[in-house]
Amino acid sequence: MSIVEIDVKYVANLARLELKPDEEARIGTQLGQVLEYMDQLKRLDVSQVEPTAHAAPRVNVMRLDEVGPSLPLSEVLRNAPAQANDLFLVPKIVE
């Protein structure tokens, strides 16, 4: 924790965690190591690196939205528990 002194109790409280004293010491050390690594990353020259949302190119894998044949109305309503005028009947839920 040489970069910043971390208040582990405060961070644990924010995360709604109950830590034992030995856990506080271990997590304090681990958080310090993470912050030291982040400091190393800050020192890298990334001026020539183009900003990206993903490390690898991503392509939409969804199929095209094409019009296709629909089910006949009688087939659609066949399993409806209640129907009227070619519509599903459902119980009223608004009071």
PDB file of N, CA and C in Angstrom:
ATOM      1  N   MET A   1       0.820  -1.194   0.000  1.00  0.00           N
ATOM      2  CA  MET A   1       0.000   0.000   0.000  1.00  0.00           C
ATOM      3  C   MET A   1       0.859   1.251   0.000  1.00  0.00           C
ATOM      4  N   SER A   2       1.895   1.252  -0.762  1.00  0.00           N
ATOM      5  CA  SER A   2       2.814   2.380  -0.736  1.00  0.00           C
ATOM      6  C   SER A   2       2.264   3.596  -1.468  1.00  0.00           C
ATOM      7  N   ILE A   3       1.399   3.405  -2.450  1.00  0.00           N
ATOM      8  CA  ILE A   3       0.892   4.542  -3.219  1.00  0.00           C
ATOM      9  C   ILE A   3      -0.112   5.341  -2.411  1.00  0.00           C
ATOM     10  N   VAL A   4      -1.127   4.677  -1.925  1.00  0.00           N
ATOM     11  CA  VAL A   4      -2.198   5.342  -1.187  1.00  0.00           C
ATOM     12  C   VAL A   4      -2.538   4.469   0.013  1.00  0.00           C
ATOM     13  N   GLU A   5      -2.714   5.108   1.138  1.00  0.00           N
ATOM     14  CA  GLU A   5      -3.164   4.360   2.317  1.00  0.00           C
ATOM     15  C   GLU A   5      -4.670   4.136   2.154  1.00  0.00           C
ATOM     16  N   ILE A   6      -5.064   2.875   2.130  1.00  0.00           N
ATOM     17  CA  ILE A   6      -6.451   2.529   1.859  1.00  0.00           C
ATOM     18  C   ILE A   6      -7.198   2.312   3.169  1.00  0.00           C
ATOM     19  N   ASP A   7      -8.344   2.938   3.300  1.00  0.00           N
ATOM     20  CA  ASP A   7      -9.200   2.719   4.456  1.00  0.00           C
ATOM     21  C   ASP A   7     -10.106   1.531   4.122  1.00  0.00           C
ATOM     22  N   VAL A   8      -9.640   0.334   4.442  1.00  0.00           N
ATOM     23  CA  VAL A   8     -10.343  -0.893   4.080  1.00  0.00           C
ATOM     24  C   VAL A   8     -11.699  -0.969   4.761  1.00  0.00           C
ATOM     25  N   LYS A   9     -11.776  -0.507   5.993  1.00  0.00           N
ATOM     26  CA  LYS A   9     -13.065  -0.539   6.703  1.00  0.00           C
ATOM     27  C   LYS A   9     -14.100   0.320   5.979  1.00  0.00           C
ATOM     28  N   TYR A  10     -13.678   1.481   5.497  1.00  0.00           N
ATOM     29  CA  TYR A  10     -14.589   2.364   4.779  1.00  0.00           C
ATOM     30  C   TYR A  10     -15.058   1.719   3.475  1.00  0.00           C
ATOM     31  N   VAL A  11     -14.130   1.143   2.714  1.00  0.00           N
ATOM     32  CA  VAL A  11     -14.468   0.486   1.454  1.00  0.00           C
ATOM     33  C   VAL A  11     -15.372  -0.713   1.708  1.00  0.00           C
ATOM     34  N   ALA A  12     -15.087  -1.486   2.743  1.00  0.00           N
ATOM     35  CA  ALA A  12     -15.917  -2.643   3.087  1.00  0.00           C
ATOM     36  C   ALA A  12     -17.320  -2.194   3.472  1.00  0.00           C
ATOM     37  N   ASN A  13     -17.424  -1.088   4.177  1.00  0.00           N
ATOM     38  CA  ASN A  13     -18.740  -0.559   4.540  1.00  0.00           C
ATOM     39  C   ASN A  13     -19.520  -0.148   3.297  1.00  0.00           C
ATOM     40  N   LEU A  14     -18.861   0.484   2.351  1.00  0.00           N
ATOM     41  CA  LEU A  14     -19.527   0.871   1.105  1.00  0.00           C
ATOM     42  C   LEU A  14     -20.035  -0.353   0.344  1.00  0.00           C
ATOM     43  N   ALA A  15     -19.264  -1.445   0.404  1.00  0.00           N
ATOM     44  CA  ALA A  15     -19.628  -2.681  -0.299  1.00  0.00           C
ATOM     45  C   ALA A  15     -20.535  -3.570   0.547  1.00  0.00           C
ATOM     46  N   ARG A  16     -20.890  -3.084   1.733  1.00  0.00           N
ATOM     47  CA  ARG A  16     -21.747  -3.859   2.647  1.00  0.00           C
ATOM     48  C   ARG A  16     -21.113  -5.206   3.006  1.00  0.00           C
ATOM     49  N   LEU A  17     -19.819  -5.178   3.329  1.00  0.00           N
ATOM     50  CA  LEU A  17     -19.088  -6.386   3.693  1.00  0.00           C
ATOM     51  C   LEU A  17     -18.671  -6.309   5.156  1.00  0.00           C
ATOM     52  N   GLU A  18     -18.752  -7.430   5.826  1.00  0.00           N
ATOM     53  CA  GLU A  18     -18.233  -7.533   7.178  1.00  0.00           C
ATOM     54  C   GLU A  18     -16.925  -8.318   7.098  1.00  0.00           C
ATOM     55  N   LEU A  19     -15.835  -7.679   7.499  1.00  0.00           N
ATOM     56  CA  LEU A  19     -14.524  -8.317   7.401  1.00  0.00           C
ATOM     57  C   LEU A  19     -13.927  -8.535   8.775  1.00  0.00           C
ATOM     58  N   LYS A  20     -13.237  -9.646   8.926  1.00  0.00           N
ATOM     59  CA  LYS A  20     -12.476  -9.929  10.135  1.00  0.00           C
ATOM     60  C   LYS A  20     -11.150  -9.184  10.024  1.00  0.00           C
ATOM     61  N   PRO A  21     -10.473  -8.957  11.142  1.00  0.00           N
ATOM     62  CA  PRO A  21      -9.201  -8.207  11.094  1.00  0.00           C
ATOM     63  C   PRO A  21      -8.161  -8.806  10.139  1.00  0.00           C
ATOM     64  N   ASP A  22      -8.076 -10.147  10.092  1.00  0.00           N
ATOM     65  CA  ASP A  22      -7.089 -10.742   9.182  1.00  0.00           C
ATOM     66  C   ASP A  22      -7.502 -10.537   7.726  1.00  0.00           C
ATOM     67  N   GLU A  23      -8.806 -10.523   7.469  1.00  0.00           N
ATOM     68  CA  GLU A  23      -9.286 -10.271   6.099  1.00  0.00           C
ATOM     69  C   GLU A  23      -9.013  -8.823   5.697  1.00  0.00           C
ATOM     70  N   GLU A  24      -9.182  -7.900   6.645  1.00  0.00           N
ATOM     71  CA  GLU A  24      -8.903  -6.491   6.352  1.00  0.00           C
ATOM     72  C   GLU A  24      -7.450  -6.304   5.934  1.00  0.00           C
ATOM     73  N   ALA A  25      -6.544  -6.952   6.660  1.00  0.00           N
ATOM     74  CA  ALA A  25      -5.120  -6.822   6.337  1.00  0.00           C
ATOM     75  C   ALA A  25      -4.829  -7.403   4.961  1.00  0.00           C
ATOM     76  N   ARG A  26      -5.377  -8.596   4.689  1.00  0.00           N
ATOM     77  CA  ARG A  26      -5.121  -9.247   3.398  1.00  0.00           C
ATOM     78  C   ARG A  26      -5.715  -8.427   2.252  1.00  0.00           C
ATOM     79  N   ILE A  27      -6.936  -7.960   2.421  1.00  0.00           N
ATOM     80  CA  ILE A  27      -7.587  -7.195   1.350  1.00  0.00           C
ATOM     81  C   ILE A  27      -6.910  -5.843   1.168  1.00  0.00           C
ATOM     82  N   GLY A  28      -6.448  -5.241   2.260  1.00  0.00           N
ATOM     83  CA  GLY A  28      -5.709  -3.986   2.146  1.00  0.00           C
ATOM     84  C   GLY A  28      -4.465  -4.149   1.291  1.00  0.00           C
ATOM     85  N   THR A  29      -3.743  -5.243   1.507  1.00  0.00           N
ATOM     86  CA  THR A  29      -2.554  -5.535   0.704  1.00  0.00           C
ATOM     87  C   THR A  29      -2.938  -5.746  -0.756  1.00  0.00           C
ATOM     88  N   GLN A  30      -4.007  -6.521  -0.997  1.00  0.00           N
ATOM     89  CA  GLN A  30      -4.433  -6.803  -2.370  1.00  0.00           C
ATOM     90  C   GLN A  30      -4.892  -5.529  -3.081  1.00  0.00           C
ATOM     91  N   LEU A  31      -5.642  -4.684  -2.385  1.00  0.00           N
ATOM     92  CA  LEU A  31      -6.075  -3.426  -3.000  1.00  0.00           C
ATOM     93  C   LEU A  31      -4.877  -2.539  -3.318  1.00  0.00           C
ATOM     94  N   GLY A  32      -3.893  -2.543  -2.438  1.00  0.00           N
ATOM     95  CA  GLY A  32      -2.675  -1.781  -2.705  1.00  0.00           C
ATOM     96  C   GLY A  32      -1.972  -2.272  -3.956  1.00  0.00           C
ATOM     97  N   GLN A  33      -1.910  -3.590  -4.130  1.00  0.00           N
ATOM     98  CA  GLN A  33      -1.281  -4.159  -5.322  1.00  0.00           C
ATOM     99  C   GLN A  33      -2.053  -3.778  -6.579  1.00  0.00           C
ATOM    100  N   VAL A  34      -3.380  -3.784  -6.495  1.00  0.00           N
ATOM    101  CA  VAL A  34      -4.196  -3.392  -7.651  1.00  0.00           C
ATOM    102  C   VAL A  34      -3.926  -1.938  -8.011  1.00  0.00           C
ATOM    103  N   LEU A  35      -3.873  -1.074  -7.005  1.00  0.00           N
ATOM    104  CA  LEU A  35      -3.613   0.346  -7.274  1.00  0.00           C
ATOM    105  C   LEU A  35      -2.216   0.571  -7.839  1.00  0.00           C
ATOM    106  N   GLU A  36      -1.234  -0.189  -7.364  1.00  0.00           N
ATOM    107  CA  GLU A  36       0.115  -0.077  -7.923  1.00  0.00           C
ATOM    108  C   GLU A  36       0.127  -0.494  -9.391  1.00  0.00           C
ATOM    109  N   TYR A  37      -0.602  -1.552  -9.721  1.00  0.00           N
ATOM    110  CA  TYR A  37      -0.677  -1.996 -11.116  1.00  0.00           C
ATOM    111  C   TYR A  37      -1.386  -0.947 -11.975  1.00  0.00           C
ATOM    112  N   MET A  38      -2.445  -0.351 -11.448  1.00  0.00           N
ATOM    113  CA  MET A  38      -3.136   0.704 -12.196  1.00  0.00           C
ATOM    114  C   MET A  38      -2.206   1.889 -12.438  1.00  0.00           C
ATOM    115  N   ASP A  39      -1.346   2.196 -11.472  1.00  0.00           N
ATOM    116  CA  ASP A  39      -0.383   3.273 -11.641  1.00  0.00           C
ATOM    117  C   ASP A  39       0.604   2.947 -12.762  1.00  0.00           C
ATOM    118  N   GLN A  40       1.001   1.675 -12.861  1.00  0.00           N
ATOM    119  CA  GLN A  40       1.879   1.250 -13.961  1.00  0.00           C
ATOM    120  C   GLN A  40       1.169   1.442 -15.301  1.00  0.00           C
ATOM    121  N   LEU A  41      -0.100   1.097 -15.355  1.00  0.00           N
ATOM    122  CA  LEU A  41      -0.849   1.249 -16.608  1.00  0.00           C
ATOM    123  C   LEU A  41      -1.005   2.719 -17.004  1.00  0.00           C
ATOM    124  N   LYS A  42      -1.124   3.602 -16.002  1.00  0.00           N
ATOM    125  CA  LYS A  42      -1.240   5.036 -16.292  1.00  0.00           C
ATOM    126  C   LYS A  42       0.015   5.582 -16.971  1.00  0.00           C
ATOM    127  N   ARG A  43       1.163   4.973 -16.670  1.00  0.00           N
ATOM    128  CA  ARG A  43       2.431   5.467 -17.217  1.00  0.00           C
ATOM    129  C   ARG A  43       2.694   5.005 -18.643  1.00  0.00           C
ATOM    130  N   LEU A  44       1.870   4.105 -19.167  1.00  0.00           N
ATOM    131  CA  LEU A  44       2.068   3.625 -20.535  1.00  0.00           C
ATOM    132  C   LEU A  44       1.710   4.697 -21.555  1.00  0.00           C
ATOM    133  N   ASP A  45       2.458   4.734 -22.654  1.00  0.00           N
ATOM    134  CA  ASP A  45       2.154   5.660 -23.742  1.00  0.00           C
ATOM    135  C   ASP A  45       1.129   5.001 -24.669  1.00  0.00           C
ATOM    136  N   VAL A  46      -0.091   5.484 -24.614  1.00  0.00           N
ATOM    137  CA  VAL A  46      -1.156   4.925 -25.451  1.00  0.00           C
ATOM    138  C   VAL A  46      -1.641   5.958 -26.477  1.00  0.00           C
ATOM    139  N   SER A  47      -0.790   6.940 -26.750  1.00  0.00           N
ATOM    140  CA  SER A  47      -1.192   8.001 -27.678  1.00  0.00           C
ATOM    141  C   SER A  47      -1.423   7.472 -29.097  1.00  0.00           C
ATOM    142  N   GLN A  48      -0.765   6.379 -29.470  1.00  0.00           N
ATOM    143  CA  GLN A  48      -0.918   5.821 -30.814  1.00  0.00           C
ATOM    144  C   GLN A  48      -1.964   4.698 -30.866  1.00  0.00           C
ATOM    145  N   VAL A  49      -2.622   4.424 -29.751  1.00  0.00           N
ATOM    146  CA  VAL A  49      -3.608   3.347 -29.696  1.00  0.00           C
ATOM    147  C   VAL A  49      -4.991   3.937 -29.905  1.00  0.00           C
ATOM    148  N   GLU A  50      -5.704   3.400 -30.891  1.00  0.00           N
ATOM    149  CA  GLU A  50      -7.050   3.886 -31.183  1.00  0.00           C
ATOM    150  C   GLU A  50      -8.022   3.391 -30.112  1.00  0.00           C
ATOM    151  N   PRO A  51      -8.880   4.273 -29.589  1.00  0.00           N
ATOM    152  CA  PRO A  51      -9.853   3.844 -28.579  1.00  0.00           C
ATOM    153  C   PRO A  51     -10.800   2.801 -29.163  1.00  0.00           C
ATOM    154  N   THR A  52     -11.102   1.791 -28.373  1.00  0.00           N
ATOM    155  CA  THR A  52     -12.018   0.747 -28.819  1.00  0.00           C
ATOM    156  C   THR A  52     -12.972   0.378 -27.696  1.00  0.00           C
ATOM    157  N   ALA A  53     -14.110  -0.165 -28.097  1.00  0.00           N
ATOM    158  CA  ALA A  53     -15.063  -0.671 -27.109  1.00  0.00           C
ATOM    159  C   ALA A  53     -14.762  -2.132 -26.796  1.00  0.00           C
ATOM    160  N   HIS A  54     -14.170  -2.843 -27.757  1.00  0.00           N
ATOM    161  CA  HIS A  54     -13.848  -4.255 -27.584  1.00  0.00           C
ATOM    162  C   HIS A  54     -12.427  -4.501 -28.081  1.00  0.00           C
ATOM    163  N   ALA A  55     -11.767  -5.459 -27.475  1.00  0.00           N
ATOM    164  CA  ALA A  55     -10.389  -5.763 -27.867  1.00  0.00           C
ATOM    165  C   ALA A  55     -10.329  -6.394 -29.250  1.00  0.00           C
ATOM    166  N   ALA A  56     -11.344  -7.153 -29.608  1.00  0.00           N
ATOM    167  CA  ALA A  56     -11.404  -7.810 -30.916  1.00  0.00           C
ATOM    168  C   ALA A  56     -12.612  -7.262 -31.676  1.00  0.00           C
ATOM    169  N   PRO A  57     -12.531  -7.199 -33.008  1.00  0.00           N
ATOM    170  CA  PRO A  57     -13.673  -6.698 -33.774  1.00  0.00           C
ATOM    171  C   PRO A  57     -14.926  -7.540 -33.515  1.00  0.00           C
ATOM    172  N   ARG A  58     -16.032  -6.868 -33.354  1.00  0.00           N
ATOM    173  CA  ARG A  58     -17.296  -7.555 -33.099  1.00  0.00           C
ATOM    174  C   ARG A  58     -18.234  -7.295 -34.275  1.00  0.00           C
ATOM    175  N   VAL A  59     -18.958  -8.334 -34.662  1.00  0.00           N
ATOM    176  CA  VAL A  59     -19.892  -8.229 -35.781  1.00  0.00           C
ATOM    177  C   VAL A  59     -21.250  -8.705 -35.289  1.00  0.00           C
ATOM    178  N   ASN A  60     -22.287  -8.030 -35.739  1.00  0.00           N
ATOM    179  CA  ASN A  60     -23.632  -8.443 -35.365  1.00  0.00           C
ATOM    180  C   ASN A  60     -23.896  -9.827 -35.948  1.00  0.00           C
ATOM    181  N   VAL A  61     -24.223 -10.777 -35.099  1.00  0.00           N
ATOM    182  CA  VAL A  61     -24.413 -12.153 -35.541  1.00  0.00           C
ATOM    183  C   VAL A  61     -25.889 -12.499 -35.730  1.00  0.00           C
ATOM    184  N   MET A  62     -26.751 -11.498 -35.670  1.00  0.00           N
ATOM    185  CA  MET A  62     -28.170 -11.759 -35.832  1.00  0.00           C
ATOM    186  C   MET A  62     -28.527 -11.891 -37.310  1.00  0.00           C
ATOM    187  N   ARG A  63     -29.534 -12.665 -37.580  1.00  0.00           N
ATOM    188  CA  ARG A  63     -29.967 -12.850 -38.964  1.00  0.00           C
ATOM    189  C   ARG A  63     -30.730 -11.612 -39.442  1.00  0.00           C
ATOM    190  N   LEU A  64     -30.892 -11.496 -40.733  1.00  0.00           N
ATOM    191  CA  LEU A  64     -31.661 -10.399 -41.297  1.00  0.00           C
ATOM    192  C   LEU A  64     -33.126 -10.547 -40.923  1.00  0.00           C
ATOM    193  N   ASP A  65     -33.793  -9.432 -40.751  1.00  0.00           N
ATOM    194  CA  ASP A  65     -35.208  -9.441 -40.430  1.00  0.00           C
ATOM    195  C   ASP A  65     -35.986  -9.508 -41.739  1.00  0.00           C
ATOM    196  N   GLU A  66     -36.446 -10.710 -42.087  1.00  0.00           N
ATOM    197  CA  GLU A  66     -37.148 -10.903 -43.348  1.00  0.00           C
ATOM    198  C   GLU A  66     -38.582 -11.343 -43.086  1.00  0.00           C
ATOM    199  N   VAL A  67     -39.478 -10.901 -43.942  1.00  0.00           N
ATOM    200  CA  VAL A  67     -40.880 -11.293 -43.841  1.00  0.00           C
ATOM    201  C   VAL A  67     -41.005 -12.752 -44.239  1.00  0.00           C
ATOM    202  N   GLY A  68     -41.747 -13.512 -43.448  1.00  0.00           N
ATOM    203  CA  GLY A  68     -41.953 -14.928 -43.740  1.00  0.00           C
ATOM    204  C   GLY A  68     -43.420 -15.286 -43.534  1.00  0.00           C
ATOM    205  N   PRO A  69     -43.755 -16.483 -43.848  1.00  0.00           N
ATOM    206  CA  PRO A  69     -45.149 -16.887 -43.692  1.00  0.00           C
ATOM    207  C   PRO A  69     -45.534 -16.951 -42.212  1.00  0.00           C
ATOM    208  N   SER A  70     -46.740 -16.534 -41.900  1.00  0.00           N
ATOM    209  CA  SER A  70     -47.250 -16.559 -40.532  1.00  0.00           C
ATOM    210  C   SER A  70     -48.080 -17.813 -40.324  1.00  0.00           C
ATOM    211  N   LEU A  71     -48.295 -18.138 -39.052  1.00  0.00           N
ATOM    212  CA  LEU A  71     -49.197 -19.247 -38.739  1.00  0.00           C
ATOM    213  C   LEU A  71     -50.634 -18.840 -39.053  1.00  0.00           C
ATOM    214  N   PRO A  72     -51.452 -19.777 -39.469  1.00  0.00           N
ATOM    215  CA  PRO A  72     -52.865 -19.450 -39.667  1.00  0.00           C
ATOM    216  C   PRO A  72     -53.505 -19.075 -38.325  1.00  0.00           C
ATOM    217  N   LEU A  73     -54.477 -18.191 -38.353  1.00  0.00           N
ATOM    218  CA  LEU A  73     -55.134 -17.709 -37.147  1.00  0.00           C
ATOM    219  C   LEU A  73     -55.718 -18.864 -36.327  1.00  0.00           C
ATOM    220  N   SER A  74     -56.297 -19.826 -37.003  1.00  0.00           N
ATOM    221  CA  SER A  74     -56.882 -20.955 -36.282  1.00  0.00           C
ATOM    222  C   SER A  74     -55.806 -21.719 -35.503  1.00  0.00           C
ATOM    223  N   GLU A  75     -54.616 -21.835 -36.060  1.00  0.00           N
ATOM    224  CA  GLU A  75     -53.506 -22.517 -35.384  1.00  0.00           C
ATOM    225  C   GLU A  75     -53.022 -21.715 -34.180  1.00  0.00           C
ATOM    226  N   VAL A  76     -52.973 -20.404 -34.327  1.00  0.00           N
ATOM    227  CA  VAL A  76     -52.523 -19.534 -33.253  1.00  0.00           C
ATOM    228  C   VAL A  76     -53.486 -19.611 -32.072  1.00  0.00           C
ATOM    229  N   LEU A  77     -54.780 -19.578 -32.351  1.00  0.00           N
ATOM    230  CA  LEU A  77     -55.787 -19.560 -31.285  1.00  0.00           C
ATOM    231  C   LEU A  77     -56.139 -20.950 -30.753  1.00  0.00           C
ATOM    232  N   ARG A  78     -55.587 -21.986 -31.329  1.00  0.00           N
ATOM    233  CA  ARG A  78     -55.946 -23.344 -30.949  1.00  0.00           C
ATOM    234  C   ARG A  78     -55.705 -23.629 -29.466  1.00  0.00           C
ATOM    235  N   ASN A  79     -54.631 -23.141 -28.905  1.00  0.00           N
ATOM    236  CA  ASN A  79     -54.313 -23.397 -27.498  1.00  0.00           C
ATOM    237  C   ASN A  79     -54.723 -22.267 -26.562  1.00  0.00           C
ATOM    238  N   ALA A  80     -55.447 -21.284 -27.063  1.00  0.00           N
ATOM    239  CA  ALA A  80     -55.882 -20.180 -26.212  1.00  0.00           C
ATOM    240  C   ALA A  80     -56.937 -20.685 -25.224  1.00  0.00           C
ATOM    241  N   PRO A  81     -56.777 -20.372 -23.937  1.00  0.00           N
ATOM    242  CA  PRO A  81     -57.769 -20.819 -22.968  1.00  0.00           C
ATOM    243  C   PRO A  81     -59.134 -20.159 -23.197  1.00  0.00           C
ATOM    244  N   ALA A  82     -59.100 -18.927 -23.708  1.00  0.00           N
ATOM    245  CA  ALA A  82     -60.366 -18.236 -24.011  1.00  0.00           C
ATOM    246  C   ALA A  82     -60.126 -17.332 -25.206  1.00  0.00           C
ATOM    247  N   GLN A  83     -61.133 -17.235 -26.075  1.00  0.00           N
ATOM    248  CA  GLN A  83     -61.019 -16.396 -27.260  1.00  0.00           C
ATOM    249  C   GLN A  83     -62.383 -15.874 -27.665  1.00  0.00           C
ATOM    250  N   ALA A  84     -62.376 -14.738 -28.359  1.00  0.00           N
ATOM    251  CA  ALA A  84     -63.602 -14.150 -28.891  1.00  0.00           C
ATOM    252  C   ALA A  84     -63.218 -13.211 -30.012  1.00  0.00           C
ATOM    253  N   ASN A  85     -63.956 -13.246 -31.093  1.00  0.00           N
ATOM    254  CA  ASN A  85     -63.724 -12.369 -32.250  1.00  0.00           C
ATOM    255  C   ASN A  85     -62.284 -12.472 -32.746  1.00  0.00           C
ATOM    256  N   ASP A  86     -61.749 -13.672 -32.796  1.00  0.00           N
ATOM    257  CA  ASP A  86     -60.379 -13.943 -33.247  1.00  0.00           C
ATOM    258  C   ASP A  86     -59.320 -13.230 -32.398  1.00  0.00           C
ATOM    259  N   LEU A  87     -59.590 -13.070 -31.112  1.00  0.00           N
ATOM    260  CA  LEU A  87     -58.655 -12.450 -30.182  1.00  0.00           C
ATOM    261  C   LEU A  87     -58.500 -13.338 -28.951  1.00  0.00           C
ATOM    262  N   PHE A  88     -57.357 -13.216 -28.266  1.00  0.00           N
ATOM    263  CA  PHE A  88     -57.175 -13.877 -26.978  1.00  0.00           C
ATOM    264  C   PHE A  88     -57.974 -13.127 -25.929  1.00  0.00           C
ATOM    265  N   LEU A  89     -58.651 -13.829 -25.058  1.00  0.00           N
ATOM    266  CA  LEU A  89     -59.303 -13.213 -23.907  1.00  0.00           C
ATOM    267  C   LEU A  89     -58.437 -13.475 -22.684  1.00  0.00           C
ATOM    268  N   VAL A  90     -58.148 -12.399 -21.953  1.00  0.00           N
ATOM    269  CA  VAL A  90     -57.333 -12.524 -20.760  1.00  0.00           C
ATOM    270  C   VAL A  90     -58.058 -11.879 -19.596  1.00  0.00           C
ATOM    271  N   PRO A  91     -57.774 -12.319 -18.375  1.00  0.00           N
ATOM    272  CA  PRO A  91     -58.453 -11.721 -17.233  1.00  0.00           C
ATOM    273  C   PRO A  91     -58.021 -10.273 -17.021  1.00  0.00           C
ATOM    274  N   LYS A  92     -58.941  -9.461 -16.580  1.00  0.00           N
ATOM    275  CA  LYS A  92     -58.654  -8.060 -16.288  1.00  0.00           C
ATOM    276  C   LYS A  92     -57.802  -7.987 -15.020  1.00  0.00           C
ATOM    277  N   ILE A  93     -56.709  -7.245 -15.063  1.00  0.00           N
ATOM    278  CA  ILE A  93     -55.824  -7.171 -13.897  1.00  0.00           C
ATOM    279  C   ILE A  93     -55.749  -5.761 -13.341  1.00  0.00           C
ATOM    280  N   VAL A  94     -56.398  -4.786 -13.954  1.00  0.00           N
ATOM    281  CA  VAL A  94     -56.381  -3.419 -13.483  1.00  0.00           C
ATOM    282  C   VAL A  94     -57.578  -3.233 -12.566  1.00  0.00           C
ATOM    283  N   GLU A  95     -57.341  -2.627 -11.415  1.00  0.00           N
ATOM    284  CA  GLU A  95     -58.431  -2.408 -10.472  1.00  0.00           C
ATOM    285  C   GLU A  95     -58.981  -1.012 -10.613  1.00  0.00           C
TER     286      GLU A  95
END
